[in-house]
C-alpha atoms as a PDB file:
ATOM      1  CA  MET A   1     221.523  39.274 210.040  1.00  0.00           C
ATOM      2  CA  PRO A   2     224.859  38.490 208.326  1.00  0.00           C
ATOM      3  CA  THR A   3     224.885  38.014 204.579  1.00  0.00           C
ATOM      4  CA  PRO A   4     226.158  34.712 203.202  1.00  0.00           C
ATOM      5  CA  GLU A   5     229.683  34.705 201.819  1.00  0.00           C
ATOM      6  CA  ARG A   6     229.976  34.771 198.071  1.00  0.00           C
ATOM      7  CA  GLY A   7     232.127  32.070 196.545  1.00  0.00           C
ATOM      8  CA  SER A   8     234.388  31.865 193.566  1.00  0.00           C
ATOM      9  CA  ILE A   9     234.324  30.508 190.057  1.00  0.00           C
ATOM     10  CA  THR A  10     237.303  29.165 188.128  1.00  0.00           C
ATOM     11  CA  ILE A  11     237.670  29.979 184.449  1.00  0.00           C
ATOM     12  CA  LEU A  12     240.244  28.170 182.336  1.00  0.00           C
ATOM     13  CA  ILE A  13     241.720  30.429 179.684  1.00  0.00           C
ATOM     14  CA  SER A  14     243.680  28.636 176.998  1.00  0.00           C
ATOM     15  CA  GLY A  15     245.455  30.152 174.088  1.00  0.00           C
ATOM     16  CA  PRO A  16     246.718  31.453 171.967  1.00  0.00           C
ATOM     17  CA  ILE A  17     244.000  34.092 171.901  1.00  0.00           C
ATOM     18  CA  ALA A  18     243.356  35.876 168.610  1.00  0.00           C
ATOM     19  CA  PRO A  19     241.732  39.313 168.421  1.00  0.00           C
ATOM     20  CA  THR A  20     238.712  37.694 166.760  1.00  0.00           C
ATOM     21  CA  ASP A  21     238.257  35.488 169.872  1.00  0.00           C
ATOM     22  CA  LEU A  22     237.664  38.451 172.196  1.00  0.00           C
ATOM     23  CA  PRO A  23     233.906  39.031 171.659  1.00  0.00           C
ATOM     24  CA  GLY A  24     233.064  35.343 172.094  1.00  0.00           C
ATOM     25  CA  LEU A  25     235.248  35.021 175.174  1.00  0.00           C
ATOM     26  CA  ASP A  26     233.539  38.047 176.720  1.00  0.00           C
ATOM     27  CA  GLN A  27     230.080  36.603 175.978  1.00  0.00           C
ATOM     28  CA  ARG A  28     230.952  33.208 177.469  1.00  0.00           C
ATOM     29  CA  VAL A  29     232.378  34.731 180.643  1.00  0.00           C
ATOM     30  CA  CYS A  30     229.347  37.021 181.048  1.00  0.00           C
ATOM     31  CA  ALA A  31     227.062  33.993 180.707  1.00  0.00           C
ATOM     32  CA  LEU A  32     229.046  32.147 183.394  1.00  0.00           C
ATOM     33  CA  LEU A  33     228.925  35.117 185.751  1.00  0.00           C
ATOM     34  CA  ASP A  34     225.204  35.634 185.120  1.00  0.00           C
ATOM     35  CA  GLY A  35     224.602  32.129 186.411  1.00  0.00           C
ATOM     36  CA  CYS A  36     226.466  32.469 189.712  1.00  0.00           C
ATOM     37  CA  ASP A  37     227.035  34.790 192.646  1.00  0.00           C
ATOM     38  CA  ALA A  38     230.831  34.602 192.754  1.00  0.00           C
ATOM     39  CA  ALA A  39     232.868  37.340 194.404  1.00  0.00           C
ATOM     40  CA  VAL A  40     236.050  36.115 192.717  1.00  0.00           C
ATOM     41  CA  ALA A  41     236.665  34.768 189.230  1.00  0.00           C
ATOM     42  CA  VAL A  42     239.891  32.785 189.304  1.00  0.00           C
ATOM     43  CA  CYS A  43     241.326  32.770 185.780  1.00  0.00           C
ATOM     44  CA  ASP A  44     243.659  29.863 185.251  1.00  0.00           C
ATOM     45  CA  VAL A  45     246.125  31.151 182.656  1.00  0.00           C
ATOM     46  CA  ASP A  46     248.830  28.504 183.041  1.00  0.00           C
ATOM     47  CA  GLY A  47     250.687  28.159 179.753  1.00  0.00           C
ATOM     48  CA  ILE A  48     248.911  31.049 178.018  1.00  0.00           C
ATOM     49  CA  THR A  49     250.915  33.252 175.658  1.00  0.00           C
ATOM     50  CA  ALA A  50     252.125  36.535 177.135  1.00  0.00           C
ATOM     51  CA  ASP A  51     251.111  39.078 174.503  1.00  0.00           C
ATOM     52  CA  ALA A  52     249.006  42.215 174.176  1.00  0.00           C
ATOM     53  CA  VAL A  53     245.920  40.302 172.979  1.00  0.00           C
ATOM     54  CA  THR A  54     246.011  38.103 176.071  1.00  0.00           C
ATOM     55  CA  VAL A  55     246.276  41.123 178.363  1.00  0.00           C
ATOM     56  CA  ASP A  56     243.425  42.780 176.429  1.00  0.00           C
ATOM     57  CA  ALA A  57     241.311  39.655 176.944  1.00  0.00           C
ATOM     58  CA  LEU A  58     242.071  39.598 180.669  1.00  0.00           C
ATOM     59  CA  ALA A  59     241.253  43.291 181.039  1.00  0.00           C
ATOM     60  CA  ARG A  60     237.933  42.698 179.252  1.00  0.00           C
ATOM     61  CA  LEU A  61     237.233  39.825 181.619  1.00  0.00           C
ATOM     62  CA  GLN A  62     237.791  42.165 184.566  1.00  0.00           C
ATOM     63  CA  LEU A  63     235.350  44.660 183.047  1.00  0.00           C
ATOM     64  CA  ALA A  64     232.760  41.902 182.705  1.00  0.00           C
ATOM     65  CA  ALA A  65     233.446  40.773 186.267  1.00  0.00           C
ATOM     66  CA  ASP A  66     233.054  44.351 187.527  1.00  0.00           C
ATOM     67  CA  ARG A  67     229.517  44.390 186.140  1.00  0.00           C
ATOM     68  CA  HIS A  68     228.823  41.411 188.431  1.00  0.00           C
ATOM     69  CA  GLN A  69     230.606  42.886 191.489  1.00  0.00           C
ATOM     70  CA  CYS A  70     233.325  40.294 191.028  1.00  0.00           C
ATOM     71  CA  ARG A  71     237.140  40.488 190.959  1.00  0.00           C
ATOM     72  CA  VAL A  72     239.450  38.595 188.617  1.00  0.00           C
ATOM     73  CA  ARG A  73     242.417  36.788 190.127  1.00  0.00           C
ATOM     74  CA  LEU A  74     245.044  35.204 187.911  1.00  0.00           C
ATOM     75  CA  ARG A  75     246.345  31.721 188.671  1.00  0.00           C
ATOM     76  CA  GLY A  76     249.329  30.177 186.953  1.00  0.00           C
ATOM     77  CA  ALA A  77     250.448  33.384 185.230  1.00  0.00           C
ATOM     78  CA  SER A  78     253.960  33.147 183.846  1.00  0.00           C
ATOM     79  CA  PRO A  79     256.545  35.723 184.902  1.00  0.00           C
ATOM     80  CA  GLU A  80     256.380  37.109 181.345  1.00  0.00           C
ATOM     81  CA  LEU A  81     252.602  37.578 181.544  1.00  0.00           C
ATOM     82  CA  ARG A  82     252.875  39.226 184.973  1.00  0.00           C
ATOM     83  CA  GLU A  83     255.560  41.576 183.652  1.00  0.00           C
ATOM     84  CA  LEU A  84     253.472  42.485 180.608  1.00  0.00           C
ATOM     85  CA  VAL A  85     250.409  43.172 182.766  1.00  0.00           C
ATOM     86  CA  THR A  86     252.535  45.484 184.909  1.00  0.00           C
ATOM     87  CA  PHE A  87     254.147  47.140 181.877  1.00  0.00           C
ATOM     88  CA  MET A  88     250.712  47.853 180.406  1.00  0.00           C
ATOM     89  CA  GLY A  89     249.652  49.527 183.670  1.00  0.00           C
ATOM     90  CA  LEU A  90     247.116  46.878 184.659  1.00  0.00           C
ATOM     91  CA  ARG A  91     248.809  45.381 187.714  1.00  0.00           C
ATOM     92  CA  ASP A  92     246.178  46.819 190.074  1.00  0.00           C
ATOM     93  CA  VAL A  93     243.328  45.864 187.740  1.00  0.00           C
ATOM     94  CA  LEU A  94     244.393  42.242 187.269  1.00  0.00           C
ATOM     95  CA  ALA A  95     245.356  40.905 190.671  1.00  0.00           C
ATOM     96  CA  ARG A  96     247.779  38.022 190.890  1.00  0.00           C
END
């Protein structure tokens, strides 16, 4: 018998993100993922600041998603954010 397809969840990330925001963001995303069976978490990052804290937050979100057998996909990422993700070696971790 085929298994039902898993859906997606959209998460709006707004910024700027401060280092002190990271634990709370992780907890909120884990709570969202606990309550669904999504295969993909679409992170809407349109207009978010391209800096190391943002990339750290996105990498942490992917770690949380991994624990739920889920992949993070970025939507609305600026060219600067995409370049920084690549520069930091996370291009394959944070799909675009």
